[in-house]
Amino acid sequence: MNRRKWFVVLAFVLGCAAGCAPLTVDYDYDTTYDFSKLKTYDWLPSPPGGQMEDLTEKRLQGALNNQLQAKGYSRSAESPDFLISMEGIKKTEQKGSTAVGASVAVPVGSHGSISLGGGKSKPRVKQEGELTVLITERASGSLLWKGIVSAELKGKLSPEEQQRQINAVIAELLKNFPPKPVR
């Protein structure tokens, strides 16, 4: 993943967690897979030619590592049961417009008036971001679980605030991992 995409991921996570934008979380998984078999994990390497932004990668991976370890998983480079990868997307949406204007009514005769004035219409543009986390079985390469979090991007935060917000977003994203067994 290139450096720009990782900047987008960071901006997305920070923006969606800033409290102003509602967070949308969605997930999907293989309903036939026995997730209780999974004990260890590792990260898939970045795609060739991709340059991830180091601080963003560290914050996101750190938050995911902490959440997974809290759920009883351990990281193992030797022979992990599953592998994790991430992808970020940023898009600009135009939703309606806002207008600013002024007018003056000039009286004409005893019962009428003519309005004079003008205004400008400006499109409402918003930035939206999406972070996707994929969990695949190492042995087969099969996708087991996919979590997607999305929101409107907002604001700039200090590094400490960024980490707190990333932690909150990742906790919300992994709330449904592993999925509850079907009975």
N, C-alpha and C. Protein backbone atom coordinates (compact mmCIF):
# COMPACT_ATOMS: atom_id res chain seq x y z
N MET A 1 0.86 -1.16 0.00
CA MET A 1 0.00 0.00 0.00
C MET A 1 0.91 1.23 0.00
N ASN A 2 0.62 2.19 -0.85
CA ASN A 2 1.52 3.33 -0.94
C ASN A 2 1.33 4.30 0.20
N ARG A 3 2.29 5.20 0.33
CA ARG A 3 2.32 6.16 1.44
C ARG A 3 1.05 7.01 1.50
N ARG A 4 0.52 7.40 0.36
CA ARG A 4 -0.69 8.23 0.32
C ARG A 4 -1.89 7.48 0.88
N LYS A 5 -2.02 6.20 0.54
CA LYS A 5 -3.14 5.42 1.04
C LYS A 5 -3.06 5.27 2.56
N TRP A 6 -1.85 5.13 3.10
CA TRP A 6 -1.73 5.00 4.55
C TRP A 6 -2.01 6.31 5.24
N PHE A 7 -1.69 7.42 4.59
CA PHE A 7 -2.07 8.71 5.15
C PHE A 7 -3.59 8.80 5.19
N VAL A 8 -4.24 8.30 4.15
CA VAL A 8 -5.70 8.28 4.09
C VAL A 8 -6.26 7.43 5.22
N VAL A 9 -5.64 6.28 5.47
CA VAL A 9 -6.10 5.41 6.56
C VAL A 9 -6.01 6.15 7.89
N LEU A 10 -4.88 6.81 8.13
CA LEU A 10 -4.73 7.54 9.38
C LEU A 10 -5.75 8.65 9.47
N ALA A 11 -5.89 9.43 8.41
CA ALA A 11 -6.86 10.52 8.43
C ALA A 11 -8.26 9.99 8.67
N PHE A 12 -8.58 8.87 8.05
CA PHE A 12 -9.89 8.27 8.24
C PHE A 12 -10.13 7.87 9.69
N VAL A 13 -9.19 7.12 10.24
CA VAL A 13 -9.36 6.64 11.61
C VAL A 13 -9.47 7.80 12.58
N LEU A 14 -8.63 8.80 12.39
CA LEU A 14 -8.68 9.95 13.27
C LEU A 14 -9.97 10.73 13.09
N GLY A 15 -10.35 10.89 11.84
CA GLY A 15 -11.56 11.66 11.58
C GLY A 15 -12.81 10.99 12.08
N CYS A 16 -12.93 9.70 11.86
CA CYS A 16 -14.15 9.02 12.26
C CYS A 16 -14.24 8.88 13.76
N ALA A 17 -13.11 8.92 14.43
CA ALA A 17 -13.13 8.77 15.88
C ALA A 17 -13.20 10.11 16.59
N ALA A 18 -13.16 11.20 15.87
CA ALA A 18 -13.11 12.51 16.49
C ALA A 18 -14.38 12.87 17.23
N GLY A 19 -15.39 12.06 17.15
CA GLY A 19 -16.60 12.31 17.91
C GLY A 19 -17.66 13.06 17.14
N CYS A 20 -17.29 13.74 16.09
CA CYS A 20 -18.26 14.52 15.33
C CYS A 20 -18.96 13.67 14.28
N ALA A 21 -18.29 12.63 13.84
CA ALA A 21 -18.83 11.83 12.75
C ALA A 21 -19.27 10.47 13.28
N PRO A 22 -20.45 10.02 12.88
CA PRO A 22 -20.87 8.68 13.30
C PRO A 22 -20.01 7.62 12.63
N LEU A 23 -19.74 6.59 13.38
CA LEU A 23 -18.91 5.49 12.92
C LEU A 23 -19.82 4.39 12.40
N THR A 24 -19.54 3.89 11.21
CA THR A 24 -20.29 2.78 10.64
C THR A 24 -19.38 1.57 10.58
N VAL A 25 -19.80 0.49 11.22
CA VAL A 25 -19.02 -0.73 11.25
C VAL A 25 -19.82 -1.84 10.61
N ASP A 26 -19.17 -2.59 9.74
CA ASP A 26 -19.81 -3.73 9.09
C ASP A 26 -18.81 -4.87 9.09
N TYR A 27 -19.29 -6.08 9.12
CA TYR A 27 -18.40 -7.22 9.08
C TYR A 27 -19.08 -8.38 8.39
N ASP A 28 -18.26 -9.31 7.93
CA ASP A 28 -18.76 -10.52 7.28
C ASP A 28 -17.76 -11.62 7.61
N TYR A 29 -18.21 -12.87 7.59
CA TYR A 29 -17.31 -13.96 7.92
C TYR A 29 -17.82 -15.27 7.33
N ASP A 30 -16.93 -16.25 7.30
CA ASP A 30 -17.26 -17.59 6.83
C ASP A 30 -18.04 -18.29 7.93
N THR A 31 -19.32 -18.49 7.71
CA THR A 31 -20.19 -19.07 8.74
C THR A 31 -19.92 -20.56 8.98
N THR A 32 -19.16 -21.20 8.10
CA THR A 32 -18.88 -22.62 8.27
C THR A 32 -17.55 -22.87 8.98
N TYR A 33 -16.78 -21.82 9.23
CA TYR A 33 -15.46 -21.98 9.82
C TYR A 33 -15.54 -22.04 11.35
N ASP A 34 -14.72 -22.89 11.97
CA ASP A 34 -14.64 -23.00 13.42
C ASP A 34 -13.55 -22.05 13.92
N PHE A 35 -13.94 -20.85 14.36
CA PHE A 35 -12.99 -19.83 14.79
C PHE A 35 -12.28 -20.20 16.09
N SER A 36 -12.78 -21.20 16.82
CA SER A 36 -12.13 -21.60 18.07
C SER A 36 -10.77 -22.27 17.80
N LYS A 37 -10.51 -22.67 16.55
CA LYS A 37 -9.21 -23.26 16.18
C LYS A 37 -8.10 -22.22 16.14
N LEU A 38 -8.46 -20.96 16.02
CA LEU A 38 -7.46 -19.89 15.85
C LEU A 38 -6.86 -19.49 17.20
N LYS A 39 -5.54 -19.50 17.27
CA LYS A 39 -4.83 -19.11 18.50
C LYS A 39 -3.74 -18.08 18.24
N THR A 40 -3.07 -18.17 17.08
CA THR A 40 -1.95 -17.29 16.78
C THR A 40 -2.16 -16.55 15.46
N TYR A 41 -1.51 -15.40 15.34
CA TYR A 41 -1.64 -14.58 14.12
C TYR A 41 -0.32 -13.90 13.80
N ASP A 42 -0.27 -13.35 12.59
CA ASP A 42 0.83 -12.49 12.17
C ASP A 42 0.30 -11.56 11.08
N TRP A 43 1.12 -10.62 10.69
CA TRP A 43 0.73 -9.64 9.68
C TRP A 43 1.23 -10.06 8.31
N LEU A 44 0.40 -9.84 7.30
CA LEU A 44 0.86 -10.01 5.92
C LEU A 44 1.79 -8.85 5.60
N PRO A 45 2.85 -9.10 4.85
CA PRO A 45 3.75 -8.00 4.49
C PRO A 45 3.04 -7.01 3.57
N SER A 46 3.54 -5.78 3.58
CA SER A 46 2.98 -4.76 2.68
C SER A 46 3.20 -5.20 1.25
N PRO A 47 2.28 -4.86 0.34
CA PRO A 47 2.45 -5.23 -1.07
C PRO A 47 3.74 -4.64 -1.63
N PRO A 48 4.37 -5.34 -2.59
CA PRO A 48 5.61 -4.83 -3.19
C PRO A 48 5.38 -3.44 -3.79
N GLY A 49 6.34 -2.57 -3.58
CA GLY A 49 6.26 -1.21 -4.13
C GLY A 49 5.45 -0.27 -3.28
N GLY A 50 4.74 -0.78 -2.30
CA GLY A 50 3.95 0.08 -1.42
C GLY A 50 4.80 0.63 -0.29
N GLN A 51 4.62 1.88 0.04
CA GLN A 51 5.35 2.50 1.13
C GLN A 51 4.35 2.96 2.18
N MET A 52 4.21 2.17 3.25
CA MET A 52 3.30 2.57 4.32
C MET A 52 3.97 3.64 5.17
N GLU A 53 3.19 4.59 5.64
CA GLU A 53 3.68 5.61 6.55
C GLU A 53 3.92 4.92 7.88
N ASP A 54 5.14 5.00 8.38
CA ASP A 54 5.57 4.24 9.56
C ASP A 54 4.70 4.49 10.80
N LEU A 55 4.42 5.74 11.12
CA LEU A 55 3.64 6.03 12.32
C LEU A 55 2.22 5.50 12.23
N THR A 56 1.63 5.62 11.08
CA THR A 56 0.28 5.10 10.88
C THR A 56 0.26 3.59 11.02
N GLU A 57 1.20 2.93 10.39
CA GLU A 57 1.27 1.48 10.47
C GLU A 57 1.46 1.02 11.91
N LYS A 58 2.35 1.67 12.63
CA LYS A 58 2.61 1.30 14.02
C LYS A 58 1.37 1.49 14.89
N ARG A 59 0.68 2.60 14.71
CA ARG A 59 -0.51 2.86 15.54
C ARG A 59 -1.62 1.85 15.25
N LEU A 60 -1.89 1.62 13.98
CA LEU A 60 -2.96 0.68 13.62
C LEU A 60 -2.62 -0.74 14.04
N GLN A 61 -1.40 -1.18 13.73
CA GLN A 61 -1.01 -2.53 14.12
C GLN A 61 -0.95 -2.68 15.63
N GLY A 62 -0.47 -1.66 16.32
CA GLY A 62 -0.42 -1.70 17.78
C GLY A 62 -1.81 -1.85 18.38
N ALA A 63 -2.76 -1.09 17.86
CA ALA A 63 -4.13 -1.18 18.36
C ALA A 63 -4.73 -2.55 18.07
N LEU A 64 -4.50 -3.07 16.88
CA LEU A 64 -5.01 -4.40 16.54
C LEU A 64 -4.32 -5.48 17.39
N ASN A 65 -3.01 -5.37 17.58
CA ASN A 65 -2.29 -6.33 18.42
C ASN A 65 -2.86 -6.33 19.84
N ASN A 66 -3.05 -5.14 20.42
CA ASN A 66 -3.58 -5.05 21.78
C ASN A 66 -4.97 -5.67 21.89
N GLN A 67 -5.84 -5.38 20.93
CA GLN A 67 -7.20 -5.91 20.97
C GLN A 67 -7.20 -7.43 20.81
N LEU A 68 -6.39 -7.94 19.90
CA LEU A 68 -6.34 -9.39 19.69
C LEU A 68 -5.75 -10.11 20.90
N GLN A 69 -4.71 -9.53 21.51
CA GLN A 69 -4.11 -10.14 22.70
C GLN A 69 -5.10 -10.13 23.86
N ALA A 70 -5.90 -9.08 23.97
CA ALA A 70 -6.93 -9.02 25.01
C ALA A 70 -7.99 -10.11 24.80
N LYS A 71 -8.14 -10.56 23.57
CA LYS A 71 -9.10 -11.62 23.26
C LYS A 71 -8.46 -13.01 23.36
N GLY A 72 -7.18 -13.08 23.76
CA GLY A 72 -6.52 -14.36 23.96
C GLY A 72 -5.66 -14.85 22.81
N TYR A 73 -5.48 -14.07 21.77
CA TYR A 73 -4.63 -14.45 20.65
C TYR A 73 -3.20 -14.00 20.92
N SER A 74 -2.24 -14.71 20.34
CA SER A 74 -0.85 -14.28 20.47
C SER A 74 -0.22 -14.20 19.08
N ARG A 75 0.69 -13.26 18.96
CA ARG A 75 1.38 -13.06 17.68
C ARG A 75 2.51 -14.06 17.56
N SER A 76 2.62 -14.70 16.41
CA SER A 76 3.65 -15.70 16.17
C SER A 76 4.08 -15.64 14.71
N ALA A 77 5.35 -15.34 14.51
CA ALA A 77 5.87 -15.30 13.15
C ALA A 77 6.21 -16.71 12.64
N GLU A 78 6.35 -17.66 13.55
CA GLU A 78 6.73 -19.03 13.19
C GLU A 78 5.68 -19.73 12.34
N SER A 79 4.52 -19.94 12.92
CA SER A 79 3.47 -20.68 12.23
C SER A 79 2.09 -20.17 12.66
N PRO A 80 1.75 -18.96 12.26
CA PRO A 80 0.48 -18.38 12.70
C PRO A 80 -0.73 -19.11 12.09
N ASP A 81 -1.82 -19.12 12.84
CA ASP A 81 -3.06 -19.71 12.34
C ASP A 81 -3.73 -18.79 11.31
N PHE A 82 -3.65 -17.47 11.55
CA PHE A 82 -4.27 -16.53 10.61
C PHE A 82 -3.38 -15.32 10.38
N LEU A 83 -3.64 -14.65 9.26
CA LEU A 83 -2.87 -13.48 8.84
C LEU A 83 -3.81 -12.28 8.72
N ILE A 84 -3.26 -11.11 9.00
CA ILE A 84 -4.05 -9.88 8.98
C ILE A 84 -3.50 -8.93 7.93
N SER A 85 -4.40 -8.26 7.20
CA SER A 85 -4.02 -7.19 6.28
C SER A 85 -5.02 -6.06 6.42
N MET A 86 -4.59 -4.84 6.02
CA MET A 86 -5.44 -3.65 6.11
C MET A 86 -5.42 -2.88 4.80
N GLU A 87 -6.50 -2.15 4.55
CA GLU A 87 -6.57 -1.29 3.37
C GLU A 87 -7.42 -0.07 3.71
N GLY A 88 -7.00 1.09 3.23
CA GLY A 88 -7.75 2.32 3.46
C GLY A 88 -8.15 2.98 2.16
N ILE A 89 -9.34 3.57 2.15
CA ILE A 89 -9.86 4.26 0.97
C ILE A 89 -10.43 5.60 1.42
N LYS A 90 -10.20 6.62 0.63
CA LYS A 90 -10.75 7.94 0.90
C LYS A 90 -11.53 8.38 -0.33
N LYS A 91 -12.71 8.95 -0.10
CA LYS A 91 -13.48 9.45 -1.24
C LYS A 91 -14.12 10.79 -0.88
N THR A 92 -14.35 11.58 -1.89
CA THR A 92 -14.99 12.88 -1.72
C THR A 92 -16.40 12.79 -2.26
N GLU A 93 -17.36 13.23 -1.46
CA GLU A 93 -18.75 13.22 -1.89
C GLU A 93 -19.30 14.64 -1.90
N GLN A 94 -20.13 14.90 -2.89
CA GLN A 94 -20.79 16.19 -2.98
C GLN A 94 -22.25 15.96 -2.65
N LYS A 95 -22.72 16.61 -1.60
CA LYS A 95 -24.10 16.42 -1.14
C LYS A 95 -24.80 17.78 -1.11
N GLY A 96 -25.63 18.04 -2.10
CA GLY A 96 -26.40 19.28 -2.11
C GLY A 96 -25.51 20.50 -2.18
N SER A 97 -26.05 21.62 -1.74
CA SER A 97 -25.28 22.86 -1.74
C SER A 97 -25.83 23.79 -0.68
N THR A 98 -25.00 24.76 -0.35
CA THR A 98 -25.43 25.82 0.56
C THR A 98 -25.41 27.12 -0.23
N ALA A 99 -26.27 28.04 0.13
CA ALA A 99 -26.36 29.30 -0.60
C ALA A 99 -26.28 30.46 0.38
N VAL A 100 -25.63 31.53 -0.09
CA VAL A 100 -25.54 32.75 0.68
C VAL A 100 -25.96 33.87 -0.26
N GLY A 101 -26.79 34.76 0.23
CA GLY A 101 -27.22 35.84 -0.64
C GLY A 101 -27.87 36.95 0.15
N ALA A 102 -28.19 38.01 -0.56
CA ALA A 102 -28.87 39.15 0.05
C ALA A 102 -29.76 39.78 -1.00
N SER A 103 -30.86 40.32 -0.54
CA SER A 103 -31.74 41.04 -1.46
C SER A 103 -32.37 42.20 -0.73
N VAL A 104 -32.78 43.18 -1.52
CA VAL A 104 -33.41 44.37 -0.98
C VAL A 104 -34.69 44.60 -1.79
N ALA A 105 -35.77 44.89 -1.08
CA ALA A 105 -37.02 45.20 -1.76
C ALA A 105 -37.11 46.71 -1.92
N VAL A 106 -37.26 47.16 -3.16
CA VAL A 106 -37.38 48.58 -3.45
C VAL A 106 -38.86 48.86 -3.72
N PRO A 107 -39.46 49.77 -2.91
CA PRO A 107 -40.88 50.05 -3.11
C PRO A 107 -41.13 50.72 -4.47
N VAL A 108 -42.20 50.26 -5.12
CA VAL A 108 -42.60 50.83 -6.39
C VAL A 108 -44.10 51.12 -6.29
N GLY A 109 -44.45 52.35 -6.46
CA GLY A 109 -45.87 52.71 -6.37
C GLY A 109 -46.37 52.57 -4.94
N SER A 110 -47.70 52.47 -4.80
CA SER A 110 -48.28 52.41 -3.46
C SER A 110 -48.45 50.99 -2.95
N HIS A 111 -48.42 49.98 -3.80
CA HIS A 111 -48.67 48.61 -3.35
C HIS A 111 -47.67 47.58 -3.86
N GLY A 112 -46.58 47.99 -4.37
CA GLY A 112 -45.67 47.01 -4.95
C GLY A 112 -44.23 47.25 -4.58
N SER A 113 -43.43 46.28 -4.94
CA SER A 113 -41.99 46.41 -4.72
C SER A 113 -41.26 45.51 -5.70
N ILE A 114 -40.02 45.81 -5.91
CA ILE A 114 -39.15 45.01 -6.76
C ILE A 114 -37.98 44.57 -5.89
N SER A 115 -37.68 43.31 -5.94
CA SER A 115 -36.56 42.79 -5.17
C SER A 115 -35.30 42.81 -6.02
N LEU A 116 -34.24 43.30 -5.45
CA LEU A 116 -32.94 43.34 -6.11
C LEU A 116 -31.95 42.59 -5.21
N GLY A 117 -31.10 41.80 -5.81
CA GLY A 117 -30.11 41.10 -4.99
C GLY A 117 -29.52 39.94 -5.74
N GLY A 118 -28.75 39.20 -5.02
CA GLY A 118 -28.11 38.04 -5.64
C GLY A 118 -27.55 37.12 -4.57
N GLY A 119 -27.01 36.06 -5.02
CA GLY A 119 -26.45 35.08 -4.08
C GLY A 119 -25.53 34.12 -4.79
N LYS A 120 -24.86 33.33 -4.01
CA LYS A 120 -23.96 32.33 -4.55
C LYS A 120 -24.28 30.99 -3.92
N SER A 121 -24.19 29.98 -4.71
CA SER A 121 -24.41 28.63 -4.24
C SER A 121 -23.07 27.90 -4.22
N LYS A 122 -22.79 27.23 -3.11
CA LYS A 122 -21.53 26.51 -2.97
C LYS A 122 -21.84 25.05 -2.66
N PRO A 123 -21.26 24.11 -3.41
CA PRO A 123 -21.53 22.70 -3.15
C PRO A 123 -20.99 22.28 -1.78
N ARG A 124 -21.73 21.42 -1.09
CA ARG A 124 -21.27 20.86 0.18
C ARG A 124 -20.46 19.61 -0.14
N VAL A 125 -19.18 19.67 0.19
CA VAL A 125 -18.27 18.57 -0.10
C VAL A 125 -17.81 17.98 1.23
N LYS A 126 -17.81 16.64 1.30
CA LYS A 126 -17.29 16.01 2.51
C LYS A 126 -16.37 14.86 2.14
N GLN A 127 -15.39 14.65 2.99
CA GLN A 127 -14.43 13.56 2.81
C GLN A 127 -14.89 12.37 3.65
N GLU A 128 -14.93 11.21 3.04
CA GLU A 128 -15.27 10.00 3.76
C GLU A 128 -14.11 9.02 3.64
N GLY A 129 -13.91 8.25 4.70
CA GLY A 129 -12.84 7.27 4.70
C GLY A 129 -13.37 5.91 5.11
N GLU A 130 -12.63 4.89 4.69
CA GLU A 130 -13.02 3.52 5.00
C GLU A 130 -11.75 2.71 5.29
N LEU A 131 -11.77 1.95 6.38
CA LEU A 131 -10.68 1.06 6.73
C LEU A 131 -11.21 -0.36 6.70
N THR A 132 -10.52 -1.23 5.97
CA THR A 132 -10.90 -2.64 5.88
C THR A 132 -9.80 -3.48 6.50
N VAL A 133 -10.20 -4.39 7.38
CA VAL A 133 -9.27 -5.35 7.98
C VAL A 133 -9.70 -6.73 7.52
N LEU A 134 -8.75 -7.46 6.93
CA LEU A 134 -9.01 -8.80 6.42
C LEU A 134 -8.24 -9.82 7.26
N ILE A 135 -8.92 -10.90 7.63
CA ILE A 135 -8.29 -11.99 8.36
C ILE A 135 -8.42 -13.24 7.51
N THR A 136 -7.27 -13.81 7.15
CA THR A 136 -7.25 -15.00 6.29
C THR A 136 -6.56 -16.15 7.01
N GLU A 137 -6.99 -17.35 6.70
CA GLU A 137 -6.35 -18.54 7.25
C GLU A 137 -5.01 -18.72 6.55
N ARG A 138 -3.94 -18.88 7.32
CA ARG A 138 -2.62 -19.01 6.72
C ARG A 138 -2.50 -20.27 5.87
N ALA A 139 -2.97 -21.39 6.39
CA ALA A 139 -2.79 -22.68 5.70
C ALA A 139 -3.46 -22.71 4.33
N SER A 140 -4.69 -22.23 4.24
CA SER A 140 -5.44 -22.32 2.98
C SER A 140 -5.44 -21.02 2.18
N GLY A 141 -5.16 -19.90 2.85
CA GLY A 141 -5.25 -18.60 2.18
C GLY A 141 -6.68 -18.11 2.04
N SER A 142 -7.63 -18.80 2.67
CA SER A 142 -9.05 -18.43 2.57
C SER A 142 -9.38 -17.26 3.49
N LEU A 143 -10.20 -16.36 2.98
CA LEU A 143 -10.69 -15.24 3.79
C LEU A 143 -11.66 -15.79 4.83
N LEU A 144 -11.40 -15.46 6.10
CA LEU A 144 -12.25 -15.94 7.19
C LEU A 144 -13.18 -14.85 7.71
N TRP A 145 -12.66 -13.63 7.82
CA TRP A 145 -13.40 -12.53 8.44
C TRP A 145 -12.99 -11.23 7.79
N LYS A 146 -13.95 -10.34 7.63
CA LYS A 146 -13.68 -9.03 7.04
C LYS A 146 -14.44 -8.00 7.84
N GLY A 147 -13.73 -6.99 8.33
CA GLY A 147 -14.36 -5.89 9.06
C GLY A 147 -14.11 -4.58 8.35
N ILE A 148 -15.15 -3.76 8.24
CA ILE A 148 -15.04 -2.48 7.56
C ILE A 148 -15.60 -1.40 8.48
N VAL A 149 -14.83 -0.34 8.67
CA VAL A 149 -15.28 0.79 9.45
C VAL A 149 -15.20 2.03 8.56
N SER A 150 -16.25 2.86 8.58
CA SER A 150 -16.26 4.05 7.72
C SER A 150 -16.92 5.22 8.44
N ALA A 151 -16.51 6.41 8.04
CA ALA A 151 -17.06 7.64 8.63
C ALA A 151 -16.58 8.85 7.83
N GLU A 152 -17.17 9.99 8.17
CA GLU A 152 -16.73 11.25 7.58
C GLU A 152 -15.41 11.64 8.25
N LEU A 153 -14.46 12.16 7.46
CA LEU A 153 -13.16 12.57 7.99
C LEU A 153 -13.25 13.98 8.56
N LYS A 154 -12.69 14.15 9.74
CA LYS A 154 -12.69 15.47 10.38
C LYS A 154 -11.39 15.67 11.15
N GLY A 155 -11.01 16.92 11.32
CA GLY A 155 -10.02 17.39 12.27
C GLY A 155 -8.64 16.79 12.35
N LYS A 156 -7.77 17.51 13.10
CA LYS A 156 -6.40 17.09 13.36
C LYS A 156 -6.25 16.92 14.86
N LEU A 157 -5.48 15.89 15.25
CA LEU A 157 -5.30 15.59 16.66
C LEU A 157 -3.82 15.41 16.98
N SER A 158 -3.47 15.53 18.27
CA SER A 158 -2.10 15.27 18.70
C SER A 158 -1.81 13.77 18.56
N PRO A 159 -0.54 13.38 18.57
CA PRO A 159 -0.22 11.95 18.47
C PRO A 159 -0.89 11.10 19.56
N GLU A 160 -0.97 11.62 20.78
CA GLU A 160 -1.61 10.88 21.88
C GLU A 160 -3.12 10.74 21.63
N GLU A 161 -3.73 11.81 21.17
CA GLU A 161 -5.17 11.75 20.85
C GLU A 161 -5.42 10.81 19.68
N GLN A 162 -4.51 10.83 18.70
CA GLN A 162 -4.64 9.94 17.56
C GLN A 162 -4.64 8.49 18.02
N GLN A 163 -3.69 8.13 18.90
CA GLN A 163 -3.61 6.75 19.37
C GLN A 163 -4.86 6.36 20.15
N ARG A 164 -5.36 7.26 21.01
CA ARG A 164 -6.59 6.96 21.77
C ARG A 164 -7.77 6.73 20.83
N GLN A 165 -7.88 7.57 19.80
CA GLN A 165 -8.99 7.44 18.86
C GLN A 165 -8.85 6.17 18.02
N ILE A 166 -7.64 5.86 17.58
CA ILE A 166 -7.40 4.63 16.82
C ILE A 166 -7.78 3.42 17.67
N ASN A 167 -7.36 3.43 18.94
CA ASN A 167 -7.70 2.32 19.84
C ASN A 167 -9.21 2.14 19.94
N ALA A 168 -9.95 3.24 20.06
CA ALA A 168 -11.41 3.15 20.17
C ALA A 168 -12.04 2.61 18.89
N VAL A 169 -11.55 3.05 17.75
CA VAL A 169 -12.10 2.59 16.47
C VAL A 169 -11.81 1.10 16.27
N ILE A 170 -10.60 0.67 16.56
CA ILE A 170 -10.23 -0.74 16.39
C ILE A 170 -11.02 -1.61 17.38
N ALA A 171 -11.24 -1.13 18.59
CA ALA A 171 -12.05 -1.89 19.56
C ALA A 171 -13.46 -2.09 19.03
N GLU A 172 -14.02 -1.04 18.44
CA GLU A 172 -15.37 -1.14 17.88
C GLU A 172 -15.38 -2.08 16.68
N LEU A 173 -14.35 -2.01 15.85
CA LEU A 173 -14.26 -2.86 14.67
C LEU A 173 -14.15 -4.34 15.06
N LEU A 174 -13.35 -4.64 16.07
CA LEU A 174 -13.13 -6.04 16.46
C LEU A 174 -14.13 -6.55 17.50
N LYS A 175 -15.14 -5.76 17.78
CA LYS A 175 -16.16 -6.18 18.75
C LYS A 175 -16.81 -7.50 18.32
N ASN A 176 -16.92 -7.74 17.04
CA ASN A 176 -17.57 -8.96 16.52
C ASN A 176 -16.57 -9.99 15.99
N PHE A 177 -15.33 -9.91 16.48
CA PHE A 177 -14.34 -10.93 16.14
C PHE A 177 -13.82 -11.54 17.42
N PRO A 178 -13.78 -12.83 17.52
CA PRO A 178 -14.31 -13.80 16.59
C PRO A 178 -15.83 -13.85 16.66
N PRO A 179 -16.47 -14.28 15.59
CA PRO A 179 -17.92 -14.35 15.62
C PRO A 179 -18.38 -15.41 16.65
N LYS A 180 -19.55 -15.19 17.19
CA LYS A 180 -20.13 -16.15 18.13
C LYS A 180 -20.47 -17.44 17.39
N PRO A 181 -20.19 -18.60 18.01
CA PRO A 181 -20.52 -19.86 17.34
C PRO A 181 -22.03 -20.01 17.13
N VAL A 182 -22.41 -20.58 16.00
CA VAL A 182 -23.80 -20.82 15.69
C VAL A 182 -24.20 -22.13 16.39
N ARG A 183 -25.32 -22.08 17.09
CA ARG A 183 -25.76 -23.28 17.83
C ARG A 183 -26.96 -23.91 17.19
